[in-house]
Amino acid sequence: GVIPGALLVERNELEWRLDPRGSHRLPEATGHDVQVVVVCNEGYASSL
């Protein structure tokens, strides 16, 4: 399942989708001050 309201972004696209200055960013990537909480399965890949 998924967390309601969470953005679903494959790990290999994360930086492109969340860089506020990137040409492939998501609309939610509005600036460098956004608190982003990365969620992986058990909390390892999300740290990196």
All heavy atoms as atom14 arrays in JSON, in Angstrom:
{
  "sequence": "GVIPGALLVERNELEWRLDPRGSHRLPEATGHDVQVVVVCNEGYASSL",
  "atom14_mask": [
    [1, 1, 1, 1, 0, 0, 0, 0, 0, 0, 0, 0, 0, 0],
    [1, 1, 1, 1, 1, 1, 1, 0, 0, 0, 0, 0, 0, 0],
    [1, 1, 1, 1, 1, 1, 1, 1, 0, 0, 0, 0, 0, 0],
    [1, 1, 1, 1, 1, 1, 1, 0, 0, 0, 0, 0, 0, 0],
    [1, 1, 1, 1, 0, 0, 0, 0, 0, 0, 0, 0, 0, 0],
    [1, 1, 1, 1, 1, 0, 0, 0, 0, 0, 0, 0, 0, 0],
    [1, 1, 1, 1, 1, 1, 1, 1, 0, 0, 0, 0, 0, 0],
    [1, 1, 1, 1, 1, 1, 1, 1, 0, 0, 0, 0, 0, 0],
    [1, 1, 1, 1, 1, 1, 1, 0, 0, 0, 0, 0, 0, 0],
    [1, 1, 1, 1, 1, 1, 1, 1, 1, 0, 0, 0, 0, 0],
    [1, 1, 1, 1, 1, 1, 1, 1, 1, 1, 1, 0, 0, 0],
    [1, 1, 1, 1, 1, 1, 1, 1, 0, 0, 0, 0, 0, 0],
    [1, 1, 1, 1, 1, 1, 1, 1, 1, 0, 0, 0, 0, 0],
    [1, 1, 1, 1, 1, 1, 1, 1, 0, 0, 0, 0, 0, 0],
    [1, 1, 1, 1, 1, 1, 1, 1, 1, 0, 0, 0, 0, 0],
    [1, 1, 1, 1, 1, 1, 1, 1, 1, 1, 1, 1, 1, 1],
    [1, 1, 1, 1, 1, 1, 1, 1, 1, 1, 1, 0, 0, 0],
    [1, 1, 1, 1, 1, 1, 1, 1, 0, 0, 0, 0, 0, 0],
    [1, 1, 1, 1, 1, 1, 1, 1, 0, 0, 0, 0, 0, 0],
    [1, 1, 1, 1, 1, 1, 1, 0, 0, 0, 0, 0, 0, 0],
    [1, 1, 1, 1, 1, 1, 1, 1, 1, 1, 1, 0, 0, 0],
    [1, 1, 1, 1, 0, 0, 0, 0, 0, 0, 0, 0, 0, 0],
    [1, 1, 1, 1, 1, 1, 0, 0, 0, 0, 0, 0, 0, 0],
    [1, 1, 1, 1, 1, 1, 1, 1, 1, 1, 0, 0, 0, 0],
    [1, 1, 1, 1, 1, 1, 1, 1, 1, 1, 1, 0, 0, 0],
    [1, 1, 1, 1, 1, 1, 1, 1, 0, 0, 0, 0, 0, 0],
    [1, 1, 1, 1, 1, 1, 1, 0, 0, 0, 0, 0, 0, 0],
    [1, 1, 1, 1, 1, 1, 1, 1, 1, 0, 0, 0, 0, 0],
    [1, 1, 1, 1, 1, 0, 0, 0, 0, 0, 0, 0, 0, 0],
    [1, 1, 1, 1, 1, 1, 1, 0, 0, 0, 0, 0, 0, 0],
    [1, 1, 1, 1, 0, 0, 0, 0, 0, 0, 0, 0, 0, 0],
    [1, 1, 1, 1, 1, 1, 1, 1, 1, 1, 0, 0, 0, 0],
    [1, 1, 1, 1, 1, 1, 1, 1, 0, 0, 0, 0, 0, 0],
    [1, 1, 1, 1, 1, 1, 1, 0, 0, 0, 0, 0, 0, 0],
    [1, 1, 1, 1, 1, 1, 1, 1, 1, 0, 0, 0, 0, 0],
    [1, 1, 1, 1, 1, 1, 1, 0, 0, 0, 0, 0, 0, 0],
    [1, 1, 1, 1, 1, 1, 1, 0, 0, 0, 0, 0, 0, 0],
    [1, 1, 1, 1, 1, 1, 1, 0, 0, 0, 0, 0, 0, 0],
    [1, 1, 1, 1, 1, 1, 1, 0, 0, 0, 0, 0, 0, 0],
    [1, 1, 1, 1, 1, 1, 0, 0, 0, 0, 0, 0, 0, 0],
    [1, 1, 1, 1, 1, 1, 1, 1, 0, 0, 0, 0, 0, 0],
    [1, 1, 1, 1, 1, 1, 1, 1, 1, 0, 0, 0, 0, 0],
    [1, 1, 1, 1, 0, 0, 0, 0, 0, 0, 0, 0, 0, 0],
    [1, 1, 1, 1, 1, 1, 1, 1, 1, 1, 1, 1, 0, 0],
    [1, 1, 1, 1, 1, 0, 0, 0, 0, 0, 0, 0, 0, 0],
    [1, 1, 1, 1, 1, 1, 0, 0, 0, 0, 0, 0, 0, 0],
    [1, 1, 1, 1, 1, 1, 0, 0, 0, 0, 0, 0, 0, 0],
    [1, 1, 1, 1, 1, 1, 1, 1, 0, 0, 0, 0, 0, 0]
  ],
  "atom14_positions": [
    [[0.82, -1.2, 0.0], [0.0, 0.0, 0.0], [0.86, 1.25, 0.0], [2.08, 1.19, -0.08], [0.0, 0.0, 0.0], [0.0, 0.0, 0.0], [0.0, 0.0, 0.0], [0.0, 0.0, 0.0], [0.0, 0.0, 0.0], [0.0, 0.0, 0.0], [0.0, 0.0, 0.0], [0.0, 0.0, 0.0], [0.0, 0.0, 0.0], [0.0, 0.0, 0.0]],
    [[0.18, 2.39, 0.1], [0.86, 3.68, 0.07], [0.35, 4.58, 1.19], [-0.73, 4.37, 1.74], [0.67, 4.4, -1.29], [1.31, 3.61, -2.42], [-0.79, 4.65, -1.58], [0.0, 0.0, 0.0], [0.0, 0.0, 0.0], [0.0, 0.0, 0.0], [0.0, 0.0, 0.0], [0.0, 0.0, 0.0], [0.0, 0.0, 0.0], [0.0, 0.0, 0.0]],
    [[1.13, 5.58, 1.49], [0.73, 6.61, 2.45], [-0.13, 7.62, 1.71], [0.32, 8.21, 0.72], [1.98, 7.29, 3.05], [2.83, 6.28, 3.81], [1.56, 8.46, 3.93], [4.2, 6.81, 4.23], [0.0, 0.0, 0.0], [0.0, 0.0, 0.0], [0.0, 0.0, 0.0], [0.0, 0.0, 0.0], [0.0, 0.0, 0.0], [0.0, 0.0, 0.0]],
    [[-1.37, 7.82, 2.16], [-2.24, 8.79, 1.48], [-1.58, 10.17, 1.42], [-1.06, 10.66, 2.43], [-3.49, 8.82, 2.35], [-3.48, 7.54, 3.1], [-2.03, 7.2, 3.31], [0.0, 0.0, 0.0], [0.0, 0.0, 0.0], [0.0, 0.0, 0.0], [0.0, 0.0, 0.0], [0.0, 0.0, 0.0], [0.0, 0.0, 0.0], [0.0, 0.0, 0.0]],
    [[-1.57, 10.76, 0.24], [-1.03, 12.1, 0.06], [0.46, 12.15, -0.23], [0.98, 13.2, -0.58], [0.0, 0.0, 0.0], [0.0, 0.0, 0.0], [0.0, 0.0, 0.0], [0.0, 0.0, 0.0], [0.0, 0.0, 0.0], [0.0, 0.0, 0.0], [0.0, 0.0, 0.0], [0.0, 0.0, 0.0], [0.0, 0.0, 0.0], [0.0, 0.0, 0.0]],
    [[1.16, 11.03, -0.08], [2.6, 11.03, -0.36], [2.83, 11.08, -1.87], [2.08, 10.49, -2.64], [3.26, 9.78, 0.22], [0.0, 0.0, 0.0], [0.0, 0.0, 0.0], [0.0, 0.0, 0.0], [0.0, 0.0, 0.0], [0.0, 0.0, 0.0], [0.0, 0.0, 0.0], [0.0, 0.0, 0.0], [0.0, 0.0, 0.0], [0.0, 0.0, 0.0]],
    [[3.86, 11.79, -2.27], [4.26, 11.78, -3.67], [4.97, 10.47, -3.95], [5.77, 10.0, -3.13], [5.24, 12.92, -3.97], [4.69, 14.33, -4.0], [5.83, 15.32, -4.28], [3.63, 14.46, -5.08], [0.0, 0.0, 0.0], [0.0, 0.0, 0.0], [0.0, 0.0, 0.0], [0.0, 0.0, 0.0], [0.0, 0.0, 0.0], [0.0, 0.0, 0.0]],
    [[4.7, 9.88, -5.08], [5.37, 8.65, -5.49], [6.41, 9.01, -6.53], [6.08, 9.44, -7.64], [4.36, 7.66, -6.06], [3.17, 7.32, -5.16], [2.21, 6.37, -5.86], [3.65, 6.75, -3.83], [0.0, 0.0, 0.0], [0.0, 0.0, 0.0], [0.0, 0.0, 0.0], [0.0, 0.0, 0.0], [0.0, 0.0, 0.0], [0.0, 0.0, 0.0]],
    [[7.67, 8.87, -6.15], [8.78, 9.22, -7.04], [9.79, 8.08, -6.97], [10.34, 7.81, -5.91], [9.46, 10.54, -6.6], [10.62, 10.87, -7.53], [8.46, 11.69, -6.56], [0.0, 0.0, 0.0], [0.0, 0.0, 0.0], [0.0, 0.0, 0.0], [0.0, 0.0, 0.0], [0.0, 0.0, 0.0], [0.0, 0.0, 0.0], [0.0, 0.0, 0.0]],
    [[10.03, 7.42, -8.08], [11.02, 6.36, -8.11], [12.38, 6.93, -7.69], [12.71, 8.08, -8.01], [11.11, 5.76, -9.52], [9.84, 5.09, -9.99], [9.58, 3.74, -9.35], [10.55, 3.08, -8.9], [8.4, 3.34, -9.29], [0.0, 0.0, 0.0], [0.0, 0.0, 0.0], [0.0, 0.0, 0.0], [0.0, 0.0, 0.0], [0.0, 0.0, 0.0]],
    [[13.15, 6.13, -7.01], [14.44, 6.59, -6.48], [15.34, 7.17, -7.57], [16.0, 8.18, -7.36], [15.15, 5.44, -5.74], [16.59, 5.76, -5.32], [16.62, 6.93, -4.34], [17.96, 7.39, -4.06], [18.51, 8.48, -4.64], [17.86, 9.19, -5.54], [19.73, 8.85, -4.29], [0.0, 0.0, 0.0], [0.0, 0.0, 0.0], [0.0, 0.0, 0.0]],
    [[15.36, 6.55, -8.73], [16.25, 7.01, -9.79], [15.8, 8.34, -10.41], [16.53, 8.92, -11.21], [16.42, 5.95, -10.88], [15.13, 5.62, -11.59], [14.05, 5.72, -11.01], [15.24, 5.21, -12.83], [0.0, 0.0, 0.0], [0.0, 0.0, 0.0], [0.0, 0.0, 0.0], [0.0, 0.0, 0.0], [0.0, 0.0, 0.0], [0.0, 0.0, 0.0]],
    [[14.64, 8.85, -10.03], [14.15, 10.14, -10.54], [14.11, 11.22, -9.47], [13.79, 12.37, -9.75], [12.74, 9.98, -11.11], [12.64, 9.08, -12.3], [11.24, 8.97, -12.83], [10.31, 9.59, -12.27], [11.05, 8.26, -13.83], [0.0, 0.0, 0.0], [0.0, 0.0, 0.0], [0.0, 0.0, 0.0], [0.0, 0.0, 0.0], [0.0, 0.0, 0.0]],
    [[14.43, 10.87, -8.24], [14.21, 11.76, -7.1], [14.84, 13.13, -7.27], [14.17, 14.15, -7.12], [14.73, 11.09, -5.82], [14.49, 11.88, -4.53], [13.0, 11.9, -4.21], [15.28, 11.26, -3.39], [0.0, 0.0, 0.0], [0.0, 0.0, 0.0], [0.0, 0.0, 0.0], [0.0, 0.0, 0.0], [0.0, 0.0, 0.0], [0.0, 0.0, 0.0]],
    [[16.12, 13.17, -7.56], [16.8, 14.46, -7.65], [16.23, 15.32, -8.77], [16.07, 16.53, -8.61], [18.31, 14.26, -7.85], [19.01, 13.68, -6.63], [18.89, 12.16, -6.48], [18.22, 11.52, -7.33], [19.46, 11.61, -5.54], [0.0, 0.0, 0.0], [0.0, 0.0, 0.0], [0.0, 0.0, 0.0], [0.0, 0.0, 0.0], [0.0, 0.0, 0.0]],
    [[15.91, 14.71, -9.9], [15.35, 15.47, -11.03], [13.97, 16.02, -10.68], [13.62, 17.11, -11.1], [15.27, 14.59, -12.27], [16.6, 14.43, -12.9], [17.14, 15.21, -13.89], [17.59, 13.46, -12.59], [18.4, 14.78, -14.19], [18.7, 13.7, -13.41], [17.64, 12.4, -11.68], [19.86, 12.94, -13.36], [18.79, 11.63, -11.63], [19.87, 11.9, -12.46]],
    [[13.19, 15.29, -9.94], [11.83, 15.71, -9.62], [11.75, 16.73, -8.48], [10.8, 17.5, -8.4], [10.97, 14.5, -9.26], [10.86, 13.49, -10.37], [10.13, 14.07, -11.55], [9.95, 13.06, -12.58], [10.1, 13.29, -13.86], [10.44, 14.47, -14.3], [9.91, 12.33, -14.73], [0.0, 0.0, 0.0], [0.0, 0.0, 0.0], [0.0, 0.0, 0.0]],
    [[12.75, 16.73, -7.59], [12.67, 17.61, -6.42], [13.61, 18.8, -6.46], [13.53, 19.67, -5.6], [12.91, 16.81, -5.14], [11.8, 15.81, -4.82], [12.07, 15.11, -3.5], [10.43, 16.46, -4.8], [0.0, 0.0, 0.0], [0.0, 0.0, 0.0], [0.0, 0.0, 0.0], [0.0, 0.0, 0.0], [0.0, 0.0, 0.0], [0.0, 0.0, 0.0]],
    [[14.49, 18.89, -7.45], [15.37, 20.05, -7.56], [14.52, 21.25, -7.98], [13.99, 21.28, -9.1], [16.46, 19.78, -8.58], [17.4, 20.96, -8.77], [17.24, 22.01, -8.09], [18.33, 20.85, -9.59], [0.0, 0.0, 0.0], [0.0, 0.0, 0.0], [0.0, 0.0, 0.0], [0.0, 0.0, 0.0], [0.0, 0.0, 0.0], [0.0, 0.0, 0.0]],
    [[14.39, 22.24, -7.11], [13.54, 23.41, -7.45], [13.99, 24.15, -8.69], [13.2, 24.85, -9.32], [13.66, 24.32, -6.22], [14.17, 23.46, -5.13], [14.96, 22.36, -5.78], [0.0, 0.0, 0.0], [0.0, 0.0, 0.0], [0.0, 0.0, 0.0], [0.0, 0.0, 0.0], [0.0, 0.0, 0.0], [0.0, 0.0, 0.0], [0.0, 0.0, 0.0]],
    [[15.25, 24.0, -9.08], [15.76, 24.68, -10.27], [15.8, 23.79, -11.49], [16.18, 24.22, -12.58], [17.17, 25.21, -9.99], [17.19, 26.21, -8.86], [18.53, 26.8, -8.58], [19.65, 25.95, -8.99], [20.9, 26.19, -8.7], [21.22, 27.24, -8.01], [21.87, 25.37, -9.09], [0.0, 0.0, 0.0], [0.0, 0.0, 0.0], [0.0, 0.0, 0.0]],
    [[15.37, 22.53, -11.34], [15.46, 21.57, -12.42], [14.34, 21.7, -13.44], [13.22, 22.09, -13.11], [0.0, 0.0, 0.0], [0.0, 0.0, 0.0], [0.0, 0.0, 0.0], [0.0, 0.0, 0.0], [0.0, 0.0, 0.0], [0.0, 0.0, 0.0], [0.0, 0.0, 0.0], [0.0, 0.0, 0.0], [0.0, 0.0, 0.0], [0.0, 0.0, 0.0]],
    [[14.63, 21.35, -14.66], [13.63, 21.44, -15.73], [12.61, 20.31, -15.65], [11.57, 20.4, -16.3], [14.33, 21.41, -17.09], [15.08, 20.22, -17.23], [0.0, 0.0, 0.0], [0.0, 0.0, 0.0], [0.0, 0.0, 0.0], [0.0, 0.0, 0.0], [0.0, 0.0, 0.0], [0.0, 0.0, 0.0], [0.0, 0.0, 0.0], [0.0, 0.0, 0.0]],
    [[12.86, 19.27, -14.88], [11.95, 18.14, -14.75], [11.3, 18.07, -13.37], [10.8, 17.03, -12.96], [12.68, 16.83, -15.05], [13.13, 16.73, -16.46], [14.3, 17.3, -16.93], [12.56, 16.13, -17.52], [14.42, 17.05, -18.21], [13.38, 16.35, -18.61], [0.0, 0.0, 0.0], [0.0, 0.0, 0.0], [0.0, 0.0, 0.0], [0.0, 0.0, 0.0]],
    [[11.31, 19.16, -12.65], [10.81, 19.16, -11.28], [9.29, 19.02, -11.23], [8.58, 19.38, -12.17], [11.22, 20.43, -10.56], [10.5, 21.67, -11.02], [10.92, 22.89, -10.19], [10.34, 24.1, -10.72], [9.11, 24.51, -10.44], [8.34, 23.81, -9.66], [8.64, 25.62, -10.96], [0.0, 0.0, 0.0], [0.0, 0.0, 0.0], [0.0, 0.0, 0.0]],
    [[8.84, 18.49, -10.1], [7.41, 18.41, -9.83], [6.9, 19.76, -9.34], [7.68, 20.55, -8.79], [7.14, 17.36, -8.74], [7.43, 15.91, -9.13], [7.37, 15.02, -7.9], [6.43, 15.45, -10.16], [0.0, 0.0, 0.0], [0.0, 0.0, 0.0], [0.0, 0.0, 0.0], [0.0, 0.0, 0.0], [0.0, 0.0, 0.0], [0.0, 0.0, 0.0]],
    [[5.62, 20.05, -9.5], [5.09, 21.33, -9.04], [5.29, 21.54, -7.53], [5.4, 22.68, -7.07], [3.59, 21.24, -9.36], [3.48, 20.2, -10.41], [4.63, 19.25, -10.21], [0.0, 0.0, 0.0], [0.0, 0.0, 0.0], [0.0, 0.0, 0.0], [0.0, 0.0, 0.0], [0.0, 0.0, 0.0], [0.0, 0.0, 0.0], [0.0, 0.0, 0.0]],
    [[5.38, 20.46, -6.77], [5.56, 20.56, -5.32], [6.97, 20.99, -4.94], [7.22, 21.4, -3.8], [5.24, 19.21, -4.65], [3.8, 18.8, -4.76], [3.43, 18.1, -6.06], [4.28, 17.97, -6.96], [2.27, 17.66, -6.17], [0.0, 0.0, 0.0], [0.0, 0.0, 0.0], [0.0, 0.0, 0.0], [0.0, 0.0, 0.0], [0.0, 0.0, 0.0]],
    [[7.9, 20.92, -5.86], [9.29, 21.31, -5.61], [9.41, 22.81, -5.78], [9.96, 23.31, -6.76], [10.24, 20.56, -6.54], [0.0, 0.0, 0.0], [0.0, 0.0, 0.0], [0.0, 0.0, 0.0], [0.0, 0.0, 0.0], [0.0, 0.0, 0.0], [0.0, 0.0, 0.0], [0.0, 0.0, 0.0], [0.0, 0.0, 0.0], [0.0, 0.0, 0.0]],
    [[8.89, 23.55, -4.82], [8.75, 25.0, -4.94], [9.95, 25.8, -4.46], [10.04, 26.98, -4.73], [7.51, 25.47, -4.17], [7.65, 25.07, -2.8], [6.24, 24.89, -4.77], [0.0, 0.0, 0.0], [0.0, 0.0, 0.0], [0.0, 0.0, 0.0], [0.0, 0.0, 0.0], [0.0, 0.0, 0.0], [0.0, 0.0, 0.0], [0.0, 0.0, 0.0]],
    [[10.84, 25.17, -3.71], [12.0, 25.91, -3.21], [12.88, 25.02, -2.35], [12.52, 23.9, -2.0], [0.0, 0.0, 0.0], [0.0, 0.0, 0.0], [0.0, 0.0, 0.0], [0.0, 0.0, 0.0], [0.0, 0.0, 0.0], [0.0, 0.0, 0.0], [0.0, 0.0, 0.0], [0.0, 0.0, 0.0], [0.0, 0.0, 0.0], [0.0, 0.0, 0.0]],
    [[14.01, 25.58, -1.98], [14.98, 24.83, -1.18], [14.59, 24.73, 0.29], [15.22, 23.99, 1.04], [16.37, 25.46, -1.34], [16.93, 25.24, -2.7], [16.77, 26.14, -3.72], [17.63, 24.2, -3.22], [17.36, 25.68, -4.81], [17.88, 24.51, -4.54], [0.0, 0.0, 0.0], [0.0, 0.0, 0.0], [0.0, 0.0, 0.0], [0.0, 0.0, 0.0]],
    [[13.57, 25.46, 0.71], [13.14, 25.43, 2.11], [12.05, 24.4, 2.4], [11.64, 24.24, 3.55], [12.65, 26.81, 2.55], [13.79, 27.81, 2.66], [14.93, 27.37, 2.92], [13.54, 29.0, 2.48], [0.0, 0.0, 0.0], [0.0, 0.0, 0.0], [0.0, 0.0, 0.0], [0.0, 0.0, 0.0], [0.0, 0.0, 0.0], [0.0, 0.0, 0.0]],
    [[11.58, 23.69, 1.39], [10.54, 22.68, 1.59], [11.11, 21.55, 2.46], [12.22, 21.08, 2.22], [10.07, 22.11, 0.23], [9.12, 20.94, 0.42], [9.43, 23.2, -0.61], [0.0, 0.0, 0.0], [0.0, 0.0, 0.0], [0.0, 0.0, 0.0], [0.0, 0.0, 0.0], [0.0, 0.0, 0.0], [0.0, 0.0, 0.0], [0.0, 0.0, 0.0]],
    [[10.34, 21.15, 3.47], [10.76, 19.99, 4.24], [10.29, 18.74, 3.52], [9.1, 18.46, 3.45], [10.22, 19.99, 5.66], [10.75, 18.78, 6.43], [10.27, 18.66, 7.85], [9.23, 19.17, 8.2], [11.03, 17.95, 8.66], [0.0, 0.0, 0.0], [0.0, 0.0, 0.0], [0.0, 0.0, 0.0], [0.0, 0.0, 0.0], [0.0, 0.0, 0.0]],
    [[11.25, 18.01, 2.98], [10.98, 16.77, 2.27], [11.31, 15.63, 3.22], [12.38, 15.6, 3.82], [11.85, 16.66, 1.0], [11.67, 15.29, 0.35], [11.52, 17.77, 0.03], [0.0, 0.0, 0.0], [0.0, 0.0, 0.0], [0.0, 0.0, 0.0], [0.0, 0.0, 0.0], [0.0, 0.0, 0.0], [0.0, 0.0, 0.0], [0.0, 0.0, 0.0]],
    [[10.36, 14.69, 3.37], [10.59, 13.48, 4.16], [10.59, 12.31, 3.19], [9.56, 11.96, 2.64], [9.5, 13.29, 5.24], [9.76, 12.0, 6.02], [9.42, 14.5, 6.16], [0.0, 0.0, 0.0], [0.0, 0.0, 0.0], [0.0, 0.0, 0.0], [0.0, 0.0, 0.0], [0.0, 0.0, 0.0], [0.0, 0.0, 0.0], [0.0, 0.0, 0.0]],
    [[11.77, 11.74, 2.98], [11.91, 10.62, 2.05], [11.55, 9.32, 2.77], [11.99, 9.07, 3.89], [13.35, 10.54, 1.49], [13.46, 9.42, 0.46], [13.76, 11.88, 0.88], [0.0, 0.0, 0.0], [0.0, 0.0, 0.0], [0.0, 0.0, 0.0], [0.0, 0.0, 0.0], [0.0, 0.0, 0.0], [0.0, 0.0, 0.0], [0.0, 0.0, 0.0]],
    [[10.72, 8.51, 2.11], [10.25, 7.25, 2.67], [10.67, 6.11, 1.75], [10.32, 6.1, 0.57], [8.71, 7.25, 2.81], [8.22, 5.93, 3.38], [8.23, 8.44, 3.63], [0.0, 0.0, 0.0], [0.0, 0.0, 0.0], [0.0, 0.0, 0.0], [0.0, 0.0, 0.0], [0.0, 0.0, 0.0], [0.0, 0.0, 0.0], [0.0, 0.0, 0.0]],
    [[11.42, 5.16, 2.3], [11.71, 3.93, 1.58], [11.03, 2.8, 2.36], [10.16, 3.05, 3.19], [13.21, 3.71, 1.41], [14.1, 3.33, 2.92], [0.0, 0.0, 0.0], [0.0, 0.0, 0.0], [0.0, 0.0, 0.0], [0.0, 0.0, 0.0], [0.0, 0.0, 0.0], [0.0, 0.0, 0.0], [0.0, 0.0, 0.0], [0.0, 0.0, 0.0]],
    [[11.41, 1.58, 2.14], [10.73, 0.48, 2.8], [11.08, 0.37, 4.28], [10.19, 0.22, 5.11], [11.01, -0.84, 2.08], [10.05, -1.92, 2.5], [8.84, -1.7, 2.54], [10.57, -3.09, 2.84], [0.0, 0.0, 0.0], [0.0, 0.0, 0.0], [0.0, 0.0, 0.0], [0.0, 0.0, 0.0], [0.0, 0.0, 0.0], [0.0, 0.0, 0.0]],
    [[12.38, 0.45, 4.61], [12.78, 0.25, 6.0], [13.68, 1.35, 6.55], [14.17, 1.24, 7.67], [13.48, -1.1, 6.15], [12.55, -2.26, 5.89], [13.22, -3.61, 6.07], [14.46, -3.69, 6.0], [12.49, -4.58, 6.29], [0.0, 0.0, 0.0], [0.0, 0.0, 0.0], [0.0, 0.0, 0.0], [0.0, 0.0, 0.0], [0.0, 0.0, 0.0]],
    [[13.94, 2.41, 5.79], [14.7, 3.53, 6.31], [16.19, 3.49, 6.04], [16.96, 4.15, 6.74], [0.0, 0.0, 0.0], [0.0, 0.0, 0.0], [0.0, 0.0, 0.0], [0.0, 0.0, 0.0], [0.0, 0.0, 0.0], [0.0, 0.0, 0.0], [0.0, 0.0, 0.0], [0.0, 0.0, 0.0], [0.0, 0.0, 0.0], [0.0, 0.0, 0.0]],
    [[16.62, 2.77, 5.03], [18.04, 2.73, 4.68], [18.31, 3.55, 3.42], [19.06, 4.51, 3.44], [18.52, 1.29, 4.51], [18.45, 0.5, 5.79], [17.4, -0.38, 6.03], [19.41, 0.64, 6.77], [17.32, -1.09, 7.21], [19.34, -0.07, 7.96], [18.29, -0.93, 8.17], [18.22, -1.63, 9.34], [0.0, 0.0, 0.0], [0.0, 0.0, 0.0]],
    [[17.68, 3.16, 2.32], [17.87, 3.88, 1.05], [17.44, 5.34, 1.18], [18.02, 6.23, 0.56], [17.1, 3.2, -0.08], [0.0, 0.0, 0.0], [0.0, 0.0, 0.0], [0.0, 0.0, 0.0], [0.0, 0.0, 0.0], [0.0, 0.0, 0.0], [0.0, 0.0, 0.0], [0.0, 0.0, 0.0], [0.0, 0.0, 0.0], [0.0, 0.0, 0.0]],
    [[16.44, 5.59, 2.02], [15.95, 6.96, 2.19], [17.01, 7.85, 2.83], [17.05, 9.06, 2.56], [14.67, 6.96, 3.03], [14.89, 6.35, 4.29], [0.0, 0.0, 0.0], [0.0, 0.0, 0.0], [0.0, 0.0, 0.0], [0.0, 0.0, 0.0], [0.0, 0.0, 0.0], [0.0, 0.0, 0.0], [0.0, 0.0, 0.0], [0.0, 0.0, 0.0]],
    [[17.86, 7.29, 3.68], [18.93, 8.1, 4.29], [19.9, 8.6, 3.22], [20.29, 9.77, 3.21], [19.69, 7.28, 5.34], [18.86, 6.93, 6.42], [0.0, 0.0, 0.0], [0.0, 0.0, 0.0], [0.0, 0.0, 0.0], [0.0, 0.0, 0.0], [0.0, 0.0, 0.0], [0.0, 0.0, 0.0], [0.0, 0.0, 0.0], [0.0, 0.0, 0.0]],
    [[20.28, 7.72, 2.32], [21.18, 8.12, 1.25], [20.5, 9.1, 0.3], [21.13, 10.05, -0.19], [21.67, 6.89, 0.49], [22.46, 5.87, 1.33], [22.81, 4.66, 0.47], [23.68, 6.48, 1.96], [0.0, 0.0, 0.0], [0.0, 0.0, 0.0], [0.0, 0.0, 0.0], [0.0, 0.0, 0.0], [0.0, 0.0, 0.0], [0.0, 0.0, 0.0]]
  ]
}
